[in-house]
Amino acid sequence: FNDIWKRARALFAKQDLRPYGFRVVEPHHDGCPHWHMLLFMEK
């Protein structure tokens, strides 16, 4: 997931996108993590 977010931020910077908010990591029932993200940005 960190690798996905790293590449996403690089693409955001190229297109001058600057979202802000929060990220929460939660385990699935078997201990595998998944992400929840609440982001705010221009419409």
All heavy atoms as atom14 arrays in JSON, in Angstrom:
{
  "sequence": "FNDIWKRARALFAKQDLRPYGFRVVEPHHDGCPHWHMLLFMEK",
  "atom14_mask": [
    [1, 1, 1, 1, 1, 1, 1, 1, 1, 1, 1, 0, 0, 0],
    [1, 1, 1, 1, 1, 1, 1, 1, 0, 0, 0, 0, 0, 0],
    [1, 1, 1, 1, 1, 1, 1, 1, 0, 0, 0, 0, 0, 0],
    [1, 1, 1, 1, 1, 1, 1, 1, 0, 0, 0, 0, 0, 0],
    [1, 1, 1, 1, 1, 1, 1, 1, 1, 1, 1, 1, 1, 1],
    [1, 1, 1, 1, 1, 1, 1, 1, 1, 0, 0, 0, 0, 0],
    [1, 1, 1, 1, 1, 1, 1, 1, 1, 1, 1, 0, 0, 0],
    [1, 1, 1, 1, 1, 0, 0, 0, 0, 0, 0, 0, 0, 0],
    [1, 1, 1, 1, 1, 1, 1, 1, 1, 1, 1, 0, 0, 0],
    [1, 1, 1, 1, 1, 0, 0, 0, 0, 0, 0, 0, 0, 0],
    [1, 1, 1, 1, 1, 1, 1, 1, 0, 0, 0, 0, 0, 0],
    [1, 1, 1, 1, 1, 1, 1, 1, 1, 1, 1, 0, 0, 0],
    [1, 1, 1, 1, 1, 0, 0, 0, 0, 0, 0, 0, 0, 0],
    [1, 1, 1, 1, 1, 1, 1, 1, 1, 0, 0, 0, 0, 0],
    [1, 1, 1, 1, 1, 1, 1, 1, 1, 0, 0, 0, 0, 0],
    [1, 1, 1, 1, 1, 1, 1, 1, 0, 0, 0, 0, 0, 0],
    [1, 1, 1, 1, 1, 1, 1, 1, 0, 0, 0, 0, 0, 0],
    [1, 1, 1, 1, 1, 1, 1, 1, 1, 1, 1, 0, 0, 0],
    [1, 1, 1, 1, 1, 1, 1, 0, 0, 0, 0, 0, 0, 0],
    [1, 1, 1, 1, 1, 1, 1, 1, 1, 1, 1, 1, 0, 0],
    [1, 1, 1, 1, 0, 0, 0, 0, 0, 0, 0, 0, 0, 0],
    [1, 1, 1, 1, 1, 1, 1, 1, 1, 1, 1, 0, 0, 0],
    [1, 1, 1, 1, 1, 1, 1, 1, 1, 1, 1, 0, 0, 0],
    [1, 1, 1, 1, 1, 1, 1, 0, 0, 0, 0, 0, 0, 0],
    [1, 1, 1, 1, 1, 1, 1, 0, 0, 0, 0, 0, 0, 0],
    [1, 1, 1, 1, 1, 1, 1, 1, 1, 0, 0, 0, 0, 0],
    [1, 1, 1, 1, 1, 1, 1, 0, 0, 0, 0, 0, 0, 0],
    [1, 1, 1, 1, 1, 1, 1, 1, 1, 1, 0, 0, 0, 0],
    [1, 1, 1, 1, 1, 1, 1, 1, 1, 1, 0, 0, 0, 0],
    [1, 1, 1, 1, 1, 1, 1, 1, 0, 0, 0, 0, 0, 0],
    [1, 1, 1, 1, 0, 0, 0, 0, 0, 0, 0, 0, 0, 0],
    [1, 1, 1, 1, 1, 1, 0, 0, 0, 0, 0, 0, 0, 0],
    [1, 1, 1, 1, 1, 1, 1, 0, 0, 0, 0, 0, 0, 0],
    [1, 1, 1, 1, 1, 1, 1, 1, 1, 1, 0, 0, 0, 0],
    [1, 1, 1, 1, 1, 1, 1, 1, 1, 1, 1, 1, 1, 1],
    [1, 1, 1, 1, 1, 1, 1, 1, 1, 1, 0, 0, 0, 0],
    [1, 1, 1, 1, 1, 1, 1, 1, 0, 0, 0, 0, 0, 0],
    [1, 1, 1, 1, 1, 1, 1, 1, 0, 0, 0, 0, 0, 0],
    [1, 1, 1, 1, 1, 1, 1, 1, 0, 0, 0, 0, 0, 0],
    [1, 1, 1, 1, 1, 1, 1, 1, 1, 1, 1, 0, 0, 0],
    [1, 1, 1, 1, 1, 1, 1, 1, 0, 0, 0, 0, 0, 0],
    [1, 1, 1, 1, 1, 1, 1, 1, 1, 0, 0, 0, 0, 0],
    [1, 1, 1, 1, 1, 1, 1, 1, 1, 0, 0, 0, 0, 0]
  ],
  "atom14_positions": [
    [[0.83, -1.21, 0.0], [0.0, 0.0, 0.0], [0.86, 1.26, 0.0], [0.53, 2.25, -0.66], [-0.93, 0.01, 1.21], [-2.07, -0.97, 1.12], [-2.22, -1.97, 2.07], [-2.98, -0.9, 0.08], [-3.27, -2.86, 1.99], [-4.03, -1.79, -0.01], [-4.18, -2.78, 0.95], [0.0, 0.0, 0.0], [0.0, 0.0, 0.0], [0.0, 0.0, 0.0]],
    [[1.96, 1.24, 0.75], [2.85, 2.41, 0.77], [3.43, 2.69, -0.6], [3.61, 3.85, -0.99], [3.97, 2.2, 1.79], [3.51, 2.33, 3.22], [2.57, 3.08, 3.51], [4.14, 1.61, 4.12], [0.0, 0.0, 0.0], [0.0, 0.0, 0.0], [0.0, 0.0, 0.0], [0.0, 0.0, 0.0], [0.0, 0.0, 0.0], [0.0, 0.0, 0.0]],
    [[3.74, 1.63, -1.34], [4.26, 1.81, -2.7], [3.19, 2.42, -3.61], [3.51, 3.29, -4.44], [4.72, 0.46, -3.25], [5.31, 0.57, -4.64], [6.36, 1.21, -4.8], [4.7, 0.03, -5.59], [0.0, 0.0, 0.0], [0.0, 0.0, 0.0], [0.0, 0.0, 0.0], [0.0, 0.0, 0.0], [0.0, 0.0, 0.0], [0.0, 0.0, 0.0]],
    [[1.94, 1.99, -3.46], [0.86, 2.59, -4.25], [0.72, 4.07, -3.93], [0.6, 4.91, -4.83], [-0.46, 1.84, -3.99], [-0.43, 0.45, -4.62], [-1.65, 2.63, -4.53], [-1.68, -0.36, -4.38], [0.0, 0.0, 0.0], [0.0, 0.0, 0.0], [0.0, 0.0, 0.0], [0.0, 0.0, 0.0], [0.0, 0.0, 0.0], [0.0, 0.0, 0.0]],
    [[0.74, 4.41, -2.65], [0.57, 5.81, -2.25], [1.77, 6.66, -2.68], [1.62, 7.83, -3.03], [0.36, 5.88, -0.75], [0.13, 7.27, -0.24], [0.87, 7.95, 0.67], [-0.94, 8.16, -0.6], [0.36, 9.19, 0.89], [-0.76, 9.35, 0.13], [-2.02, 8.05, -1.47], [-1.62, 10.43, 0.01], [-2.88, 9.13, -1.59], [-2.68, 10.3, -0.86]],
    [[2.96, 6.07, -2.68], [4.15, 6.8, -3.13], [4.03, 7.16, -4.61], [4.31, 8.29, -5.03], [5.39, 5.94, -2.88], [6.71, 6.66, -3.17], [7.89, 5.7, -3.09], [7.97, 5.03, -1.74], [9.13, 4.11, -1.67], [0.0, 0.0, 0.0], [0.0, 0.0, 0.0], [0.0, 0.0, 0.0], [0.0, 0.0, 0.0], [0.0, 0.0, 0.0]],
    [[3.61, 6.19, -5.42], [3.44, 6.47, -6.85], [2.28, 7.43, -7.1], [2.32, 8.26, -8.01], [3.21, 5.17, -7.6], [4.46, 4.28, -7.68], [4.23, 3.08, -8.56], [3.32, 2.13, -7.93], [2.68, 1.16, -8.59], [2.83, 1.04, -9.89], [1.89, 0.33, -7.94], [0.0, 0.0, 0.0], [0.0, 0.0, 0.0], [0.0, 0.0, 0.0]],
    [[1.24, 7.33, -6.26], [0.09, 8.23, -6.42], [0.5, 9.67, -6.12], [0.11, 10.6, -6.85], [-1.05, 7.79, -5.5], [0.0, 0.0, 0.0], [0.0, 0.0, 0.0], [0.0, 0.0, 0.0], [0.0, 0.0, 0.0], [0.0, 0.0, 0.0], [0.0, 0.0, 0.0], [0.0, 0.0, 0.0], [0.0, 0.0, 0.0], [0.0, 0.0, 0.0]],
    [[1.29, 9.88, -5.09], [1.73, 11.24, -4.76], [2.61, 11.83, -5.85], [2.56, 13.04, -6.12], [2.47, 11.24, -3.41], [1.54, 11.09, -2.23], [2.24, 11.31, -0.91], [3.15, 10.24, -0.59], [4.47, 10.35, -0.52], [5.02, 11.53, -0.77], [5.23, 9.32, -0.21], [0.0, 0.0, 0.0], [0.0, 0.0, 0.0], [0.0, 0.0, 0.0]],
    [[3.41, 10.98, -6.48], [4.22, 11.47, -7.6], [3.35, 11.92, -8.77], [3.61, 12.96, -9.39], [5.2, 10.38, -8.05], [0.0, 0.0, 0.0], [0.0, 0.0, 0.0], [0.0, 0.0, 0.0], [0.0, 0.0, 0.0], [0.0, 0.0, 0.0], [0.0, 0.0, 0.0], [0.0, 0.0, 0.0], [0.0, 0.0, 0.0], [0.0, 0.0, 0.0]],
    [[2.29, 11.16, -9.05], [1.37, 11.55, -10.12], [0.56, 12.79, -9.73], [0.25, 13.64, -10.58], [0.44, 10.39, -10.46], [1.12, 9.14, -11.05], [0.11, 8.01, -11.22], [1.77, 9.47, -12.39], [0.0, 0.0, 0.0], [0.0, 0.0, 0.0], [0.0, 0.0, 0.0], [0.0, 0.0, 0.0], [0.0, 0.0, 0.0], [0.0, 0.0, 0.0]],
    [[0.22, 12.89, -8.44], [-0.48, 14.1, -7.98], [0.38, 15.35, -8.2], [-0.12, 16.39, -8.63], [-0.83, 13.98, -6.5], [-1.87, 12.94, -6.19], [-2.01, 12.44, -4.89], [-2.7, 12.44, -7.18], [-2.96, 11.49, -4.6], [-3.65, 11.48, -6.9], [-3.78, 10.99, -5.61], [0.0, 0.0, 0.0], [0.0, 0.0, 0.0], [0.0, 0.0, 0.0]],
    [[1.68, 15.23, -7.9], [2.57, 16.38, -8.04], [2.71, 16.8, -9.49], [2.78, 17.99, -9.8], [3.93, 16.04, -7.44], [0.0, 0.0, 0.0], [0.0, 0.0, 0.0], [0.0, 0.0, 0.0], [0.0, 0.0, 0.0], [0.0, 0.0, 0.0], [0.0, 0.0, 0.0], [0.0, 0.0, 0.0], [0.0, 0.0, 0.0], [0.0, 0.0, 0.0]],
    [[2.74, 15.82, -10.41], [2.86, 16.16, -11.83], [1.64, 16.91, -12.34], [1.74, 17.78, -13.21], [3.07, 14.88, -12.65], [4.44, 14.24, -12.46], [4.59, 13.02, -13.34], [5.96, 12.39, -13.18], [6.12, 11.18, -14.03], [0.0, 0.0, 0.0], [0.0, 0.0, 0.0], [0.0, 0.0, 0.0], [0.0, 0.0, 0.0], [0.0, 0.0, 0.0]],
    [[0.47, 16.57, -11.81], [-0.77, 17.21, -12.25], [-1.21, 18.34, -11.31], [-2.32, 18.84, -11.45], [-1.88, 16.16, -12.36], [-1.55, 15.03, -13.33], [-2.71, 14.06, -13.49], [-3.87, 14.41, -13.29], [-2.39, 12.82, -13.86], [0.0, 0.0, 0.0], [0.0, 0.0, 0.0], [0.0, 0.0, 0.0], [0.0, 0.0, 0.0], [0.0, 0.0, 0.0]],
    [[-0.31, 18.72, -10.37], [-0.58, 19.82, -9.44], [-1.86, 19.56, -8.63], [-2.7, 20.44, -8.45], [-0.68, 21.15, -10.18], [-0.55, 22.34, -9.23], [0.02, 22.15, -8.14], [-1.03, 23.44, -9.56], [0.0, 0.0, 0.0], [0.0, 0.0, 0.0], [0.0, 0.0, 0.0], [0.0, 0.0, 0.0], [0.0, 0.0, 0.0], [0.0, 0.0, 0.0]],
    [[-1.98, 18.32, -8.13], [-3.1, 17.95, -7.27], [-2.58, 17.88, -5.84], [-1.55, 17.24, -5.57], [-3.68, 16.59, -7.69], [-4.12, 16.46, -9.14], [-4.54, 15.03, -9.44], [-5.26, 17.41, -9.45], [0.0, 0.0, 0.0], [0.0, 0.0, 0.0], [0.0, 0.0, 0.0], [0.0, 0.0, 0.0], [0.0, 0.0, 0.0], [0.0, 0.0, 0.0]],
    [[-3.31, 18.5, -4.9], [-2.85, 18.53, -3.52], [-3.99, 18.17, -2.57], [-4.55, 19.03, -1.87], [-2.29, 19.91, -3.18], [-1.15, 20.34, -4.1], [-0.47, 21.58, -3.59], [0.21, 21.32, -2.33], [0.84, 22.25, -1.63], [0.86, 23.49, -2.06], [1.42, 21.95, -0.49], [0.0, 0.0, 0.0], [0.0, 0.0, 0.0], [0.0, 0.0, 0.0]],
    [[-4.38, 16.91, -2.53], [-5.44, 16.5, -1.6], [-4.91, 16.48, -0.16], [-3.71, 16.34, 0.09], [-5.81, 15.1, -2.07], [-4.57, 14.59, -2.74], [-3.91, 15.79, -3.37], [0.0, 0.0, 0.0], [0.0, 0.0, 0.0], [0.0, 0.0, 0.0], [0.0, 0.0, 0.0], [0.0, 0.0, 0.0], [0.0, 0.0, 0.0], [0.0, 0.0, 0.0]],
    [[-5.81, 16.61, 0.78], [-5.46, 16.57, 2.2], [-6.55, 15.82, 2.95], [-7.69, 15.74, 2.51], [-5.28, 17.98, 2.76], [-6.51, 18.87, 2.63], [-7.43, 18.98, 3.67], [-6.75, 19.59, 1.47], [-8.56, 19.79, 3.56], [-7.87, 20.4, 1.34], [-8.77, 20.5, 2.38], [-9.89, 21.29, 2.26], [0.0, 0.0, 0.0], [0.0, 0.0, 0.0]],
    [[-6.18, 15.26, 4.07], [-7.14, 14.5, 4.87], [-6.46, 13.51, 5.8], [-5.42, 13.82, 6.39], [0.0, 0.0, 0.0], [0.0, 0.0, 0.0], [0.0, 0.0, 0.0], [0.0, 0.0, 0.0], [0.0, 0.0, 0.0], [0.0, 0.0, 0.0], [0.0, 0.0, 0.0], [0.0, 0.0, 0.0], [0.0, 0.0, 0.0], [0.0, 0.0, 0.0]],
    [[-7.02, 12.29, 5.87], [-6.51, 11.28, 6.81], [-6.53, 9.9, 6.17], [-7.33, 9.62, 5.26], [-7.36, 11.25, 8.08], [-6.83, 12.12, 9.17], [-7.2, 13.45, 9.26], [-5.95, 11.62, 10.11], [-6.71, 14.25, 10.26], [-5.46, 12.42, 11.12], [-5.84, 13.74, 11.2], [0.0, 0.0, 0.0], [0.0, 0.0, 0.0], [0.0, 0.0, 0.0]],
    [[-5.64, 9.07, 6.69], [-5.58, 7.67, 6.3], [-5.64, 6.8, 7.55], [-4.96, 7.07, 8.54], [-4.27, 7.39, 5.55], [-4.13, 5.95, 5.08], [-2.69, 5.5, 5.16], [-2.25, 5.31, 6.53], [-0.99, 5.08, 6.89], [-0.05, 5.05, 5.99], [-0.68, 4.89, 8.18], [0.0, 0.0, 0.0], [0.0, 0.0, 0.0], [0.0, 0.0, 0.0]],
    [[-6.46, 5.75, 7.51], [-6.62, 4.82, 8.62], [-6.33, 3.41, 8.1], [-6.88, 3.0, 7.07], [-8.04, 4.88, 9.23], [-8.19, 3.84, 10.33], [-8.33, 6.28, 9.77], [0.0, 0.0, 0.0], [0.0, 0.0, 0.0], [0.0, 0.0, 0.0], [0.0, 0.0, 0.0], [0.0, 0.0, 0.0], [0.0, 0.0, 0.0], [0.0, 0.0, 0.0]],
    [[-5.47, 2.68, 8.8], [-5.17, 1.29, 8.45], [-5.91, 0.39, 9.41], [-5.82, 0.54, 10.63], [-3.65, 1.02, 8.51], [-3.36, -0.42, 8.12], [-2.9, 1.98, 7.61], [0.0, 0.0, 0.0], [0.0, 0.0, 0.0], [0.0, 0.0, 0.0], [0.0, 0.0, 0.0], [0.0, 0.0, 0.0], [0.0, 0.0, 0.0], [0.0, 0.0, 0.0]],
    [[-6.63, -0.57, 8.84], [-7.45, -1.48, 9.64], [-7.19, -2.91, 9.2], [-6.99, -3.17, 8.01], [-8.93, -1.13, 9.45], [-9.88, -1.91, 10.33], [-11.33, -1.61, 9.99], [-11.59, -1.18, 8.86], [-12.2, -1.82, 10.85], [0.0, 0.0, 0.0], [0.0, 0.0, 0.0], [0.0, 0.0, 0.0], [0.0, 0.0, 0.0], [0.0, 0.0, 0.0]],
    [[-7.16, -3.88, 10.14], [-6.95, -5.27, 9.73], [-8.25, -5.93, 9.28], [-9.33, -5.64, 9.81], [-6.42, -5.92, 11.01], [-7.04, -5.13, 12.11], [-7.17, -3.73, 11.6], [0.0, 0.0, 0.0], [0.0, 0.0, 0.0], [0.0, 0.0, 0.0], [0.0, 0.0, 0.0], [0.0, 0.0, 0.0], [0.0, 0.0, 0.0], [0.0, 0.0, 0.0]],
    [[-8.13, -6.79, 8.27], [-9.23, -7.7, 7.96], [-9.32, -8.77, 9.05], [-8.48, -8.83, 9.95], [-9.01, -8.36, 6.59], [-9.4, -7.5, 5.43], [-10.67, -7.0, 5.27], [-8.69, -7.04, 4.38], [-10.74, -6.29, 4.16], [-9.54, -6.29, 3.6], [0.0, 0.0, 0.0], [0.0, 0.0, 0.0], [0.0, 0.0, 0.0], [0.0, 0.0, 0.0]],
    [[-10.31, -9.59, 8.95], [-10.49, -10.62, 9.99], [-9.3, -11.56, 10.08], [-9.03, -12.14, 11.14], [-11.78, -11.41, 9.7], [-11.66, -12.33, 8.54], [-11.68, -13.7, 8.67], [-11.49, -12.09, 7.21], [-11.56, -14.27, 7.48], [-11.45, -13.31, 6.58], [0.0, 0.0, 0.0], [0.0, 0.0, 0.0], [0.0, 0.0, 0.0], [0.0, 0.0, 0.0]],
    [[-8.53, -11.73, 8.97], [-7.39, -12.64, 8.96], [-6.07, -11.93, 9.21], [-5.0, -12.54, 9.05], [-7.32, -13.38, 7.62], [-7.11, -12.44, 6.44], [-7.33, -11.23, 6.61], [-6.72, -12.92, 5.36], [0.0, 0.0, 0.0], [0.0, 0.0, 0.0], [0.0, 0.0, 0.0], [0.0, 0.0, 0.0], [0.0, 0.0, 0.0], [0.0, 0.0, 0.0]],
    [[-6.12, -10.66, 9.61], [-4.9, -9.93, 9.93], [-4.25, -9.22, 8.76], [-3.21, -8.58, 8.94], [0.0, 0.0, 0.0], [0.0, 0.0, 0.0], [0.0, 0.0, 0.0], [0.0, 0.0, 0.0], [0.0, 0.0, 0.0], [0.0, 0.0, 0.0], [0.0, 0.0, 0.0], [0.0, 0.0, 0.0], [0.0, 0.0, 0.0], [0.0, 0.0, 0.0]],
    [[-4.83, -9.3, 7.57], [-4.29, -8.59, 6.42], [-4.79, -7.15, 6.45], [-5.99, -6.91, 6.62], [-4.71, -9.27, 5.12], [-4.14, -8.41, 3.63], [0.0, 0.0, 0.0], [0.0, 0.0, 0.0], [0.0, 0.0, 0.0], [0.0, 0.0, 0.0], [0.0, 0.0, 0.0], [0.0, 0.0, 0.0], [0.0, 0.0, 0.0], [0.0, 0.0, 0.0]],
    [[-3.93, -6.14, 6.3], [-4.38, -4.75, 6.41], [-5.1, -4.27, 5.15], [-4.93, -4.82, 4.06], [-3.07, -3.97, 6.6], [-2.04, -4.8, 5.92], [-2.47, -6.23, 6.12], [0.0, 0.0, 0.0], [0.0, 0.0, 0.0], [0.0, 0.0, 0.0], [0.0, 0.0, 0.0], [0.0, 0.0, 0.0], [0.0, 0.0, 0.0], [0.0, 0.0, 0.0]],
    [[-5.93, -3.25, 5.34], [-6.51, -2.5, 4.23], [-6.63, -1.04, 4.66], [-6.63, -0.74, 5.85], [-7.87, -3.06, 3.8], [-8.92, -3.01, 4.86], [-8.94, -3.85, 5.96], [-10.01, -2.19, 5.02], [-9.98, -3.58, 6.73], [-10.64, -2.56, 6.19], [0.0, 0.0, 0.0], [0.0, 0.0, 0.0], [0.0, 0.0, 0.0], [0.0, 0.0, 0.0]],
    [[-6.7, -0.16, 3.7], [-6.67, 1.28, 3.96], [-8.04, 1.91, 3.78], [-8.79, 1.54, 2.87], [-5.68, 1.98, 3.02], [-4.24, 1.82, 3.41], [-3.71, 0.87, 4.22], [-3.15, 2.64, 2.98], [-2.36, 1.04, 4.33], [-1.99, 2.12, 3.58], [-3.05, 3.75, 2.16], [-0.74, 2.69, 3.37], [-1.81, 4.31, 1.95], [-0.66, 3.79, 2.56]],
    [[-8.33, 2.88, 4.65], [-9.46, 3.8, 4.46], [-8.88, 5.21, 4.39], [-8.08, 5.6, 5.25], [-10.46, 3.7, 5.62], [-11.13, 2.37, 5.74], [-11.99, 1.88, 4.79], [-11.05, 1.42, 6.71], [-12.43, 0.69, 5.17], [-11.86, 0.38, 6.32], [0.0, 0.0, 0.0], [0.0, 0.0, 0.0], [0.0, 0.0, 0.0], [0.0, 0.0, 0.0]],
    [[-9.28, 5.97, 3.39], [-8.75, 7.31, 3.19], [-9.89, 8.31, 3.03], [-10.83, 8.08, 2.27], [-7.84, 7.37, 1.95], [-6.7, 6.38, 1.96], [-5.61, 6.53, 0.53], [-4.78, 8.06, 0.94], [0.0, 0.0, 0.0], [0.0, 0.0, 0.0], [0.0, 0.0, 0.0], [0.0, 0.0, 0.0], [0.0, 0.0, 0.0], [0.0, 0.0, 0.0]],
    [[-9.81, 9.38, 3.79], [-10.74, 10.5, 3.67], [-9.96, 11.69, 3.15], [-9.12, 12.25, 3.86], [-11.36, 10.83, 5.03], [-12.28, 12.05, 5.08], [-13.5, 11.85, 4.18], [-12.71, 12.35, 6.5], [0.0, 0.0, 0.0], [0.0, 0.0, 0.0], [0.0, 0.0, 0.0], [0.0, 0.0, 0.0], [0.0, 0.0, 0.0], [0.0, 0.0, 0.0]],
    [[-10.19, 12.06, 1.89], [-9.43, 13.12, 1.24], [-10.36, 14.25, 0.8], [-11.48, 14.01, 0.35], [-8.68, 12.58, 0.01], [-7.64, 11.49, 0.26], [-6.97, 11.08, -1.04], [-6.59, 11.96, 1.28], [0.0, 0.0, 0.0], [0.0, 0.0, 0.0], [0.0, 0.0, 0.0], [0.0, 0.0, 0.0], [0.0, 0.0, 0.0], [0.0, 0.0, 0.0]],
    [[-9.85, 15.47, 0.96], [-10.54, 16.66, 0.49], [-9.71, 17.3, -0.62], [-8.48, 17.31, -0.54], [-10.74, 17.67, 1.63], [-11.55, 17.13, 2.77], [-10.95, 16.6, 3.89], [-12.94, 17.17, 2.72], [-11.69, 16.11, 4.95], [-13.69, 16.68, 3.77], [-13.07, 16.15, 4.88], [0.0, 0.0, 0.0], [0.0, 0.0, 0.0], [0.0, 0.0, 0.0]],
    [[-10.39, 17.84, -1.62], [-9.71, 18.44, -2.76], [-10.68, 19.38, -3.47], [-11.88, 19.4, -3.16], [-9.23, 17.34, -3.71], [-10.36, 16.53, -4.34], [-9.95, 14.83, -4.62], [-10.14, 14.13, -2.98], [0.0, 0.0, 0.0], [0.0, 0.0, 0.0], [0.0, 0.0, 0.0], [0.0, 0.0, 0.0], [0.0, 0.0, 0.0], [0.0, 0.0, 0.0]],
    [[-10.16, 20.14, -4.4], [-11.03, 21.0, -5.19], [-11.95, 20.15, -6.05], [-11.6, 19.04, -6.46], [-10.2, 21.94, -6.06], [-9.34, 22.91, -5.26], [-8.59, 23.89, -6.15], [-8.85, 23.89, -7.37], [-7.76, 24.65, -5.62], [0.0, 0.0, 0.0], [0.0, 0.0, 0.0], [0.0, 0.0, 0.0], [0.0, 0.0, 0.0], [0.0, 0.0, 0.0]],
    [[-13.13, 20.68, -6.33], [-14.15, 19.88, -7.02], [-13.67, 19.38, -8.38], [-14.0, 18.28, -8.81], [-15.42, 20.71, -7.17], [-16.14, 20.97, -5.86], [-17.45, 21.7, -6.07], [-18.18, 21.91, -4.74], [-19.46, 22.63, -4.92], [0.0, 0.0, 0.0], [0.0, 0.0, 0.0], [0.0, 0.0, 0.0], [0.0, 0.0, 0.0], [0.0, 0.0, 0.0]]
  ]
}
